[in-house]
PDB file of N, CA and C in Angstrom:
ATOM      1  N   GLY A   1     137.665  89.563  78.838  1.00  0.00           N
ATOM      2  CA  GLY A   1     138.894  89.421  79.754  1.00  0.00           C
ATOM      3  C   GLY A   1     139.954  88.520  79.044  1.00  0.00           C
ATOM      4  N   LEU A   2     141.085  88.395  79.507  1.00  0.00           N
ATOM      5  CA  LEU A   2     142.280  87.408  79.191  1.00  0.00           C
ATOM      6  C   LEU A   2     142.026  86.238  79.603  1.00  0.00           C
ATOM      7  N   HIS A   3     141.947  85.601  78.384  1.00  0.00           N
ATOM      8  CA  HIS A   3     141.873  83.965  78.662  1.00  0.00           C
ATOM      9  C   HIS A   3     142.944  83.002  78.339  1.00  0.00           C
ATOM     10  N   GLN A   4     143.576  81.922  78.974  1.00  0.00           N
ATOM     11  CA  GLN A   4     144.656  81.411  78.172  1.00  0.00           C
ATOM     12  C   GLN A   4     143.979  80.199  77.624  1.00  0.00           C
ATOM     13  N   THR A   5     144.528  79.934  76.685  1.00  0.00           N
ATOM     14  CA  THR A   5     144.155  78.978  75.863  1.00  0.00           C
ATOM     15  C   THR A   5     144.920  77.745  75.257  1.00  0.00           C
ATOM     16  N   GLY A   6     144.621  76.726  74.952  1.00  0.00           N
ATOM     17  CA  GLY A   6     145.412  75.568  75.026  1.00  0.00           C
ATOM     18  C   GLY A   6     145.631  74.753  75.856  1.00  0.00           C
ATOM     19  N   ILE A   7     144.818  74.985  77.037  1.00  0.00           N
ATOM     20  CA  ILE A   7     144.897  74.182  78.231  1.00  0.00           C
ATOM     21  C   ILE A   7     144.103  72.766  77.938  1.00  0.00           C
ATOM     22  N   PRO A   8     144.849  71.634  78.784  1.00  0.00           N
ATOM     23  CA  PRO A   8     144.447  70.179  78.382  1.00  0.00           C
ATOM     24  C   PRO A   8     142.841  70.288  78.942  1.00  0.00           C
ATOM     25  N   ASP A   9     142.207  69.270  78.277  1.00  0.00           N
ATOM     26  CA  ASP A   9     140.746  69.357  78.272  1.00  0.00           C
ATOM     27  C   ASP A   9     139.810  70.333  77.988  1.00  0.00           C
ATOM     28  N   GLU A  10     140.177  71.376  77.356  1.00  0.00           N
ATOM     29  CA  GLU A  10     139.627  72.471  77.027  1.00  0.00           C
ATOM     30  C   GLU A  10     138.461  72.479  76.603  1.00  0.00           C
ATOM     31  N   ILE A  11     137.187  73.010  77.304  1.00  0.00           N
ATOM     32  CA  ILE A  11     136.060  73.063  76.644  1.00  0.00           C
ATOM     33  C   ILE A  11     135.825  74.356  75.732  1.00  0.00           C
ATOM     34  N   GLN A  12     136.354  75.522  76.009  1.00  0.00           N
ATOM     35  CA  GLN A  12     136.225  76.583  75.599  1.00  0.00           C
ATOM     36  C   GLN A  12     137.367  77.386  76.134  1.00  0.00           C
ATOM     37  N   PRO A  13     137.761  78.527  75.659  1.00  0.00           N
ATOM     38  CA  PRO A  13     139.103  79.213  75.826  1.00  0.00           C
ATOM     39  C   PRO A  13     139.021  79.521  77.530  1.00  0.00           C
ATOM     40  N   GLY A  14     139.980  79.005  77.910  1.00  0.00           N
ATOM     41  CA  GLY A  14     140.096  79.266  79.454  1.00  0.00           C
ATOM     42  C   GLY A  14     139.195  78.541  80.499  1.00  0.00           C
ATOM     43  N   LEU A  15     138.434  77.653  79.795  1.00  0.00           N
ATOM     44  CA  LEU A  15     137.789  76.491  80.557  1.00  0.00           C
ATOM     45  C   LEU A  15     137.988  75.407  80.284  1.00  0.00           C
ATOM     46  N   ASN A  16     138.151  74.494  81.304  1.00  0.00           N
ATOM     47  CA  ASN A  16     138.490  73.072  81.132  1.00  0.00           C
ATOM     48  C   ASN A  16     137.497  72.295  82.167  1.00  0.00           C
ATOM     49  N   ALA A  17     137.260  70.959  81.971  1.00  0.00           N
ATOM     50  CA  ALA A  17     136.462  69.908  82.785  1.00  0.00           C
ATOM     51  C   ALA A  17     137.071  68.833  82.721  1.00  0.00           C
ATOM     52  N   ARG A  18     137.866  68.236  83.628  1.00  0.00           N
ATOM     53  CA  ARG A  18     138.648  66.981  83.797  1.00  0.00           C
ATOM     54  C   ARG A  18     137.774  65.730  84.435  1.00  0.00           C
ATOM     55  N   PHE A  19     137.765  64.847  83.936  1.00  0.00           N
ATOM     56  CA  PHE A  19     137.031  63.632  84.611  1.00  0.00           C
ATOM     57  C   PHE A  19     137.835  63.199  85.537  1.00  0.00           C
ATOM     58  N   MET A  20     136.843  63.116  86.883  1.00  0.00           N
ATOM     59  CA  MET A  20     137.480  62.673  87.933  1.00  0.00           C
ATOM     60  C   MET A  20     137.315  61.265  88.498  1.00  0.00           C
ATOM     61  N   GLY A  21     136.306  60.740  87.833  1.00  0.00           N
ATOM     62  CA  GLY A  21     136.096  59.418  88.196  1.00  0.00           C
ATOM     63  C   GLY A  21     134.642  58.959  88.531  1.00  0.00           C
ATOM     64  N   ILE A  22     134.161  57.754  88.946  1.00  0.00           N
ATOM     65  CA  ILE A  22     132.793  57.503  89.074  1.00  0.00           C
ATOM     66  C   ILE A  22     132.638  56.682  90.600  1.00  0.00           C
ATOM     67  N   ASP A  23     131.847  56.844  91.271  1.00  0.00           N
ATOM     68  CA  ASP A  23     131.868  56.673  92.596  1.00  0.00           C
ATOM     69  C   ASP A  23     131.216  55.092  92.461  1.00  0.00           C
ATOM     70  N   GLU A  24     131.035  54.662  93.621  1.00  0.00           N
ATOM     71  CA  GLU A  24     130.269  53.238  93.730  1.00  0.00           C
ATOM     72  C   GLU A  24     128.329  53.375  93.545  1.00  0.00           C
ATOM     73  N   LYS A  25     128.314  54.591  93.511  1.00  0.00           N
ATOM     74  CA  LYS A  25     126.774  54.893  93.323  1.00  0.00           C
ATOM     75  C   LYS A  25     126.554  55.482  91.802  1.00  0.00           C
ATOM     76  N   ALA A  26     127.686  55.154  91.045  1.00  0.00           N
ATOM     77  CA  ALA A  26     127.550  55.624  89.501  1.00  0.00           C
ATOM     78  C   ALA A  26     127.491  56.768  89.560  1.00  0.00           C
ATOM     79  N   ILE A  27     128.005  57.925  90.393  1.00  0.00           N
ATOM     80  CA  ILE A  27     128.031  59.267  90.258  1.00  0.00           C
ATOM     81  C   ILE A  27     129.292  59.535  89.589  1.00  0.00           C
ATOM     82  N   ILE A  28     129.246  60.341  88.500  1.00  0.00           N
ATOM     83  CA  ILE A  28     130.549  60.777  87.762  1.00  0.00           C
ATOM     84  C   ILE A  28     130.765  62.171  88.167  1.00  0.00           C
ATOM     85  N   SER A  29     132.236  62.344  88.458  1.00  0.00           N
ATOM     86  CA  SER A  29     132.519  63.640  89.173  1.00  0.00           C
ATOM     87  C   SER A  29     133.614  64.192  88.163  1.00  0.00           C
ATOM     88  N   TYR A  30     133.468  65.435  87.924  1.00  0.00           N
ATOM     89  CA  TYR A  30     134.370  66.705  87.134  1.00  0.00           C
ATOM     90  C   TYR A  30     134.942  67.580  87.766  1.00  0.00           C
ATOM     91  N   LEU A  31     136.155  67.777  87.648  1.00  0.00           N
ATOM     92  CA  LEU A  31     136.686  69.071  87.877  1.00  0.00           C
ATOM     93  C   LEU A  31     136.742  70.093  86.925  1.00  0.00           C
ATOM     94  N   VAL A  32     136.068  70.918  87.180  1.00  0.00           N
ATOM     95  CA  VAL A  32     135.955  72.246  86.037  1.00  0.00           C
ATOM     96  C   VAL A  32     136.739  73.290  86.684  1.00  0.00           C
ATOM     97  N   SER A  33     137.418  73.872  85.782  1.00  0.00           N
ATOM     98  CA  SER A  33     138.341  74.851  86.348  1.00  0.00           C
ATOM     99  C   SER A  33     138.468  76.410  85.221  1.00  0.00           C
ATOM    100  N   ALA A  34     138.534  77.456  85.777  1.00  0.00           N
ATOM    101  CA  ALA A  34     138.746  78.836  84.653  1.00  0.00           C
ATOM    102  C   ALA A  34     139.883  79.193  84.795  1.00  0.00           C
ATOM    103  N   TYR A  35     140.609  79.625  83.665  1.00  0.00           N
ATOM    104  CA  TYR A  35     141.692  80.350  83.846  1.00  0.00           C
ATOM    105  C   TYR A  35     141.873  81.606  83.345  1.00  0.00           C
ATOM    106  N   PHE A  36     142.036  82.478  83.809  1.00  0.00           N
ATOM    107  CA  PHE A  36     142.266  83.854  83.504  1.00  0.00           C
ATOM    108  C   PHE A  36     143.778  84.540  83.715  1.00  0.00           C
ATOM    109  N   SER A  37     144.222  85.383  82.912  1.00  0.00           N
ATOM    110  CA  SER A  37     145.410  86.088  83.088  1.00  0.00           C
ATOM    111  C   SER A  37     144.798  87.619  83.243  1.00  0.00           C
ATOM    112  N   VAL A  38     145.768  88.534  83.527  1.00  0.00           N
ATOM    113  CA  VAL A  38     145.433  89.885  84.063  1.00  0.00           C
ATOM    114  C   VAL A  38     146.689  90.646  83.562  1.00  0.00           C
ATOM    115  N   ALA A  39     146.310  91.905  83.214  1.00  0.00           N
ATOM    116  CA  ALA A  39     147.451  92.731  82.972  1.00  0.00           C
ATOM    117  C   ALA A  39     147.500  94.157  84.043  1.00  0.00           C
ATOM    118  N   VAL A  40     148.668  93.603  84.818  1.00  0.00           N
ATOM    119  CA  VAL A  40     148.390  94.867  85.982  1.00  0.00           C
ATOM    120  C   VAL A  40     148.862  96.127  85.710  1.00  0.00           C
ATOM    121  N   LEU A  41     148.221  97.125  86.193  1.00  0.00           N
ATOM    122  CA  LEU A  41     148.508  98.407  85.881  1.00  0.00           C
ATOM    123  C   LEU A  41     149.062  99.406  86.782  1.00  0.00           C
ATOM    124  N   VAL A  42     148.736  98.789  88.041  1.00  0.00           N
ATOM    125  CA  VAL A  42     149.424  99.755  89.174  1.00  0.00           C
ATOM    126  C   VAL A  42     149.677  98.865  90.203  1.00  0.00           C
ATOM    127  N   PRO A  43     150.599  99.064  91.118  1.00  0.00           N
ATOM    128  CA  PRO A  43     151.091  98.050  92.074  1.00  0.00           C
ATOM    129  C   PRO A  43     150.156  97.778  93.216  1.00  0.00           C
ATOM    130  N   ASP A  44     150.037  96.586  93.769  1.00  0.00           N
ATOM    131  CA  ASP A  44     149.281  96.034  94.556  1.00  0.00           C
ATOM    132  C   ASP A  44     147.487  95.911  94.240  1.00  0.00           C
ATOM    133  N   ALA A  45     147.474  95.684  93.057  1.00  0.00           N
ATOM    134  CA  ALA A  45     146.144  95.451  92.512  1.00  0.00           C
ATOM    135  C   ALA A  45     145.271  94.245  92.321  1.00  0.00           C
ATOM    136  N   LEU A  46     145.966  93.194  93.219  1.00  0.00           N
ATOM    137  CA  LEU A  46     145.563  92.047  92.454  1.00  0.00           C
ATOM    138  C   LEU A  46     145.538  91.218  94.020  1.00  0.00           C
ATOM    139  N   GLY A  47     144.632  90.267  93.952  1.00  0.00           N
ATOM    140  CA  GLY A  47     144.359  89.628  95.129  1.00  0.00           C
ATOM    141  C   GLY A  47     144.204  88.092  95.023  1.00  0.00           C
ATOM    142  N   ILE A  48     144.195  87.292  95.883  1.00  0.00           N
ATOM    143  CA  ILE A  48     143.816  85.755  95.434  1.00  0.00           C
ATOM    144  C   ILE A  48     143.002  85.258  96.474  1.00  0.00           C
ATOM    145  N   LEU A  49     142.183  84.033  96.014  1.00  0.00           N
ATOM    146  CA  LEU A  49     141.460  83.281  97.221  1.00  0.00           C
ATOM    147  C   LEU A  49     141.743  81.863  97.076  1.00  0.00           C
ATOM    148  N   GLU A  50     141.886  81.620  98.486  1.00  0.00           N
ATOM    149  CA  GLU A  50     142.463  80.142  98.425  1.00  0.00           C
ATOM    150  C   GLU A  50     141.315  79.372  99.223  1.00  0.00           C
ATOM    151  N   ASP A  51     141.154  78.286  98.974  1.00  0.00           N
ATOM    152  CA  ASP A  51     140.350  77.374  99.443  1.00  0.00           C
ATOM    153  C   ASP A  51     138.760  77.613  99.573  1.00  0.00           C
ATOM    154  N   VAL A  52     138.354  78.106  98.292  1.00  0.00           N
ATOM    155  CA  VAL A  52     136.970  78.505  98.214  1.00  0.00           C
ATOM    156  C   VAL A  52     136.370  77.424  97.548  1.00  0.00           C
ATOM    157  N   GLU A  53     135.081  77.269  98.302  1.00  0.00           N
ATOM    158  CA  GLU A  53     134.163  76.237  97.895  1.00  0.00           C
ATOM    159  C   GLU A  53     132.887  76.740  97.603  1.00  0.00           C
ATOM    160  N   ILE A  54     132.324  76.402  96.214  1.00  0.00           N
ATOM    161  CA  ILE A  54     131.074  77.174  95.544  1.00  0.00           C
ATOM    162  C   ILE A  54     129.893  76.407  95.786  1.00  0.00           C
ATOM    163  N   GLY A  55     129.824  74.856  96.256  1.00  0.00           N
ATOM    164  CA  GLY A  55     129.073  73.848  96.144  1.00  0.00           C
ATOM    165  C   GLY A  55     129.284  72.591  96.778  1.00  0.00           C
ATOM    166  N   HIS A  56     128.335  71.749  96.919  1.00  0.00           N
ATOM    167  CA  HIS A  56     128.623  70.575  97.059  1.00  0.00           C
ATOM    168  C   HIS A  56     128.109  69.474  95.988  1.00  0.00           C
TER     169      HIS A  56
END
């Protein structure tokens, strides 16, 4: 796929993990994001997901 490189806190191309903090129980939280680019070859070929949660 097409991966964006050079993003802040990058772990590998297109993937970053940003430290979010430590709570009162000493649990560390990170925000992990994956970035992709697309090459659109036909009209109406893209979709978007909003407010998606994959786990707690």
